[in-house]
Amino acid sequence: SLALIYQSQQQWTKAEDLFLQVIQTRKRVQGMDHQDTLNSIANLASTYIYQG
């Protein structure tokens, strides 16, 4: 995904913003417990971890 590309390029703010948008959409469409939603949350968490 584009957010993962931003993450790999260390463009943390862009990655974070996009992950947050994706998470909100996935929650609304697929629900909080859907695997894709949870994966997106994990990706956001990894963005925060990489930033320190």
N, C-alpha and C. Protein backbone atom coordinates (compact mmCIF):
# COMPACT_ATOMS: atom_id res chain seq x y z
N SER A 1 0.83 -1.19 0.00
CA SER A 1 0.00 0.00 0.00
C SER A 1 0.88 1.25 0.00
N LEU A 2 0.28 2.35 -0.33
CA LEU A 2 1.01 3.62 -0.36
C LEU A 2 1.56 3.97 1.02
N ALA A 3 0.79 3.69 2.05
CA ALA A 3 1.26 3.99 3.41
C ALA A 3 2.51 3.19 3.74
N LEU A 4 2.58 1.95 3.30
CA LEU A 4 3.78 1.14 3.55
C LEU A 4 4.98 1.67 2.77
N ILE A 5 4.73 2.20 1.59
CA ILE A 5 5.81 2.82 0.82
C ILE A 5 6.33 4.05 1.56
N TYR A 6 5.41 4.88 2.04
CA TYR A 6 5.83 6.04 2.84
C TYR A 6 6.64 5.59 4.05
N GLN A 7 6.19 4.54 4.68
CA GLN A 7 6.89 4.03 5.86
C GLN A 7 8.31 3.59 5.48
N SER A 8 8.44 2.88 4.38
CA SER A 8 9.76 2.39 3.96
C SER A 8 10.69 3.54 3.58
N GLN A 9 10.11 4.67 3.19
CA GLN A 9 10.90 5.85 2.84
C GLN A 9 11.08 6.79 4.04
N GLN A 10 10.65 6.34 5.19
CA GLN A 10 10.74 7.10 6.44
C GLN A 10 10.00 8.44 6.36
N GLN A 11 8.92 8.45 5.61
CA GLN A 11 8.04 9.61 5.56
C GLN A 11 6.91 9.36 6.56
N TRP A 12 7.28 9.51 7.84
CA TRP A 12 6.43 9.07 8.93
C TRP A 12 5.08 9.77 8.97
N THR A 13 5.06 11.06 8.78
CA THR A 13 3.80 11.80 8.87
C THR A 13 2.83 11.36 7.77
N LYS A 14 3.33 11.22 6.57
CA LYS A 14 2.48 10.77 5.46
C LYS A 14 1.96 9.36 5.72
N ALA A 15 2.84 8.48 6.20
CA ALA A 15 2.44 7.11 6.49
C ALA A 15 1.38 7.09 7.58
N GLU A 16 1.62 7.83 8.65
CA GLU A 16 0.67 7.87 9.76
C GLU A 16 -0.69 8.38 9.30
N ASP A 17 -0.70 9.49 8.58
CA ASP A 17 -1.97 10.06 8.12
C ASP A 17 -2.75 9.07 7.26
N LEU A 18 -2.05 8.40 6.36
CA LEU A 18 -2.73 7.46 5.48
C LEU A 18 -3.22 6.23 6.24
N PHE A 19 -2.39 5.70 7.14
CA PHE A 19 -2.83 4.56 7.95
C PHE A 19 -4.07 4.92 8.77
N LEU A 20 -4.11 6.11 9.34
CA LEU A 20 -5.27 6.52 10.13
C LEU A 20 -6.53 6.58 9.26
N GLN A 21 -6.39 7.07 8.05
CA GLN A 21 -7.54 7.11 7.13
C GLN A 21 -8.00 5.70 6.79
N VAL A 22 -7.04 4.83 6.50
CA VAL A 22 -7.37 3.45 6.14
C VAL A 22 -8.07 2.75 7.31
N ILE A 23 -7.55 2.95 8.51
CA ILE A 23 -8.15 2.31 9.68
C ILE A 23 -9.59 2.76 9.87
N GLN A 24 -9.84 4.05 9.76
CA GLN A 24 -11.21 4.55 9.93
C GLN A 24 -12.15 3.94 8.89
N THR A 25 -11.69 3.86 7.66
CA THR A 25 -12.52 3.28 6.59
C THR A 25 -12.76 1.80 6.83
N ARG A 26 -11.70 1.08 7.18
CA ARG A 26 -11.85 -0.36 7.42
C ARG A 26 -12.78 -0.63 8.61
N LYS A 27 -12.67 0.17 9.66
CA LYS A 27 -13.57 -0.01 10.81
C LYS A 27 -15.03 0.14 10.38
N ARG A 28 -15.28 1.16 9.58
CA ARG A 28 -16.65 1.44 9.15
C ARG A 28 -17.17 0.35 8.20
N VAL A 29 -16.33 -0.09 7.27
CA VAL A 29 -16.77 -1.01 6.23
C VAL A 29 -16.69 -2.47 6.69
N GLN A 30 -15.57 -2.83 7.32
CA GLN A 30 -15.33 -4.24 7.64
C GLN A 30 -15.52 -4.58 9.12
N GLY A 31 -15.46 -3.57 9.96
CA GLY A 31 -15.60 -3.82 11.39
C GLY A 31 -14.25 -3.87 12.09
N MET A 32 -14.30 -3.65 13.39
CA MET A 32 -13.08 -3.57 14.19
C MET A 32 -12.34 -4.90 14.27
N ASP A 33 -13.05 -6.01 14.22
CA ASP A 33 -12.42 -7.31 14.42
C ASP A 33 -11.95 -7.97 13.12
N HIS A 34 -12.14 -7.31 12.00
CA HIS A 34 -11.73 -7.89 10.72
C HIS A 34 -10.20 -7.90 10.63
N GLN A 35 -9.65 -8.95 10.05
CA GLN A 35 -8.20 -9.10 9.97
C GLN A 35 -7.53 -7.94 9.24
N ASP A 36 -8.15 -7.42 8.19
CA ASP A 36 -7.56 -6.29 7.47
C ASP A 36 -7.48 -5.04 8.34
N THR A 37 -8.51 -4.82 9.15
CA THR A 37 -8.50 -3.68 10.08
C THR A 37 -7.38 -3.85 11.09
N LEU A 38 -7.27 -5.04 11.63
CA LEU A 38 -6.23 -5.30 12.63
C LEU A 38 -4.83 -5.18 12.02
N ASN A 39 -4.67 -5.62 10.78
CA ASN A 39 -3.37 -5.47 10.11
C ASN A 39 -3.02 -4.00 9.92
N SER A 40 -4.01 -3.20 9.58
CA SER A 40 -3.76 -1.77 9.40
C SER A 40 -3.36 -1.11 10.72
N ILE A 41 -3.99 -1.53 11.80
CA ILE A 41 -3.62 -1.01 13.13
C ILE A 41 -2.19 -1.42 13.47
N ALA A 42 -1.84 -2.65 13.16
CA ALA A 42 -0.47 -3.12 13.41
C ALA A 42 0.54 -2.34 12.57
N ASN A 43 0.18 -2.03 11.34
CA ASN A 43 1.07 -1.24 10.49
C ASN A 43 1.26 0.16 11.06
N LEU A 44 0.20 0.75 11.57
CA LEU A 44 0.32 2.07 12.20
C LEU A 44 1.22 1.98 13.43
N ALA A 45 1.04 0.93 14.21
CA ALA A 45 1.87 0.75 15.40
C ALA A 45 3.34 0.62 15.02
N SER A 46 3.62 -0.10 13.94
CA SER A 46 5.02 -0.24 13.52
C SER A 46 5.59 1.09 13.07
N THR A 47 4.76 1.94 12.49
CA THR A 47 5.22 3.28 12.11
C THR A 47 5.65 4.06 13.35
N TYR A 48 4.86 3.96 14.41
CA TYR A 48 5.22 4.64 15.66
C TYR A 48 6.50 4.05 16.26
N ILE A 49 6.64 2.74 16.19
CA ILE A 49 7.84 2.08 16.73
C ILE A 49 9.09 2.52 15.98
N TYR A 50 9.00 2.56 14.65
CA TYR A 50 10.16 2.96 13.84
C TYR A 50 10.60 4.38 14.14
N GLN A 51 9.65 5.23 14.52
CA GLN A 51 9.98 6.62 14.82
C GLN A 51 10.73 6.77 16.14
N GLY A 52 10.57 5.77 16.99
CA GLY A 52 11.26 5.80 18.28
C GLY A 52 10.43 6.29 19.35
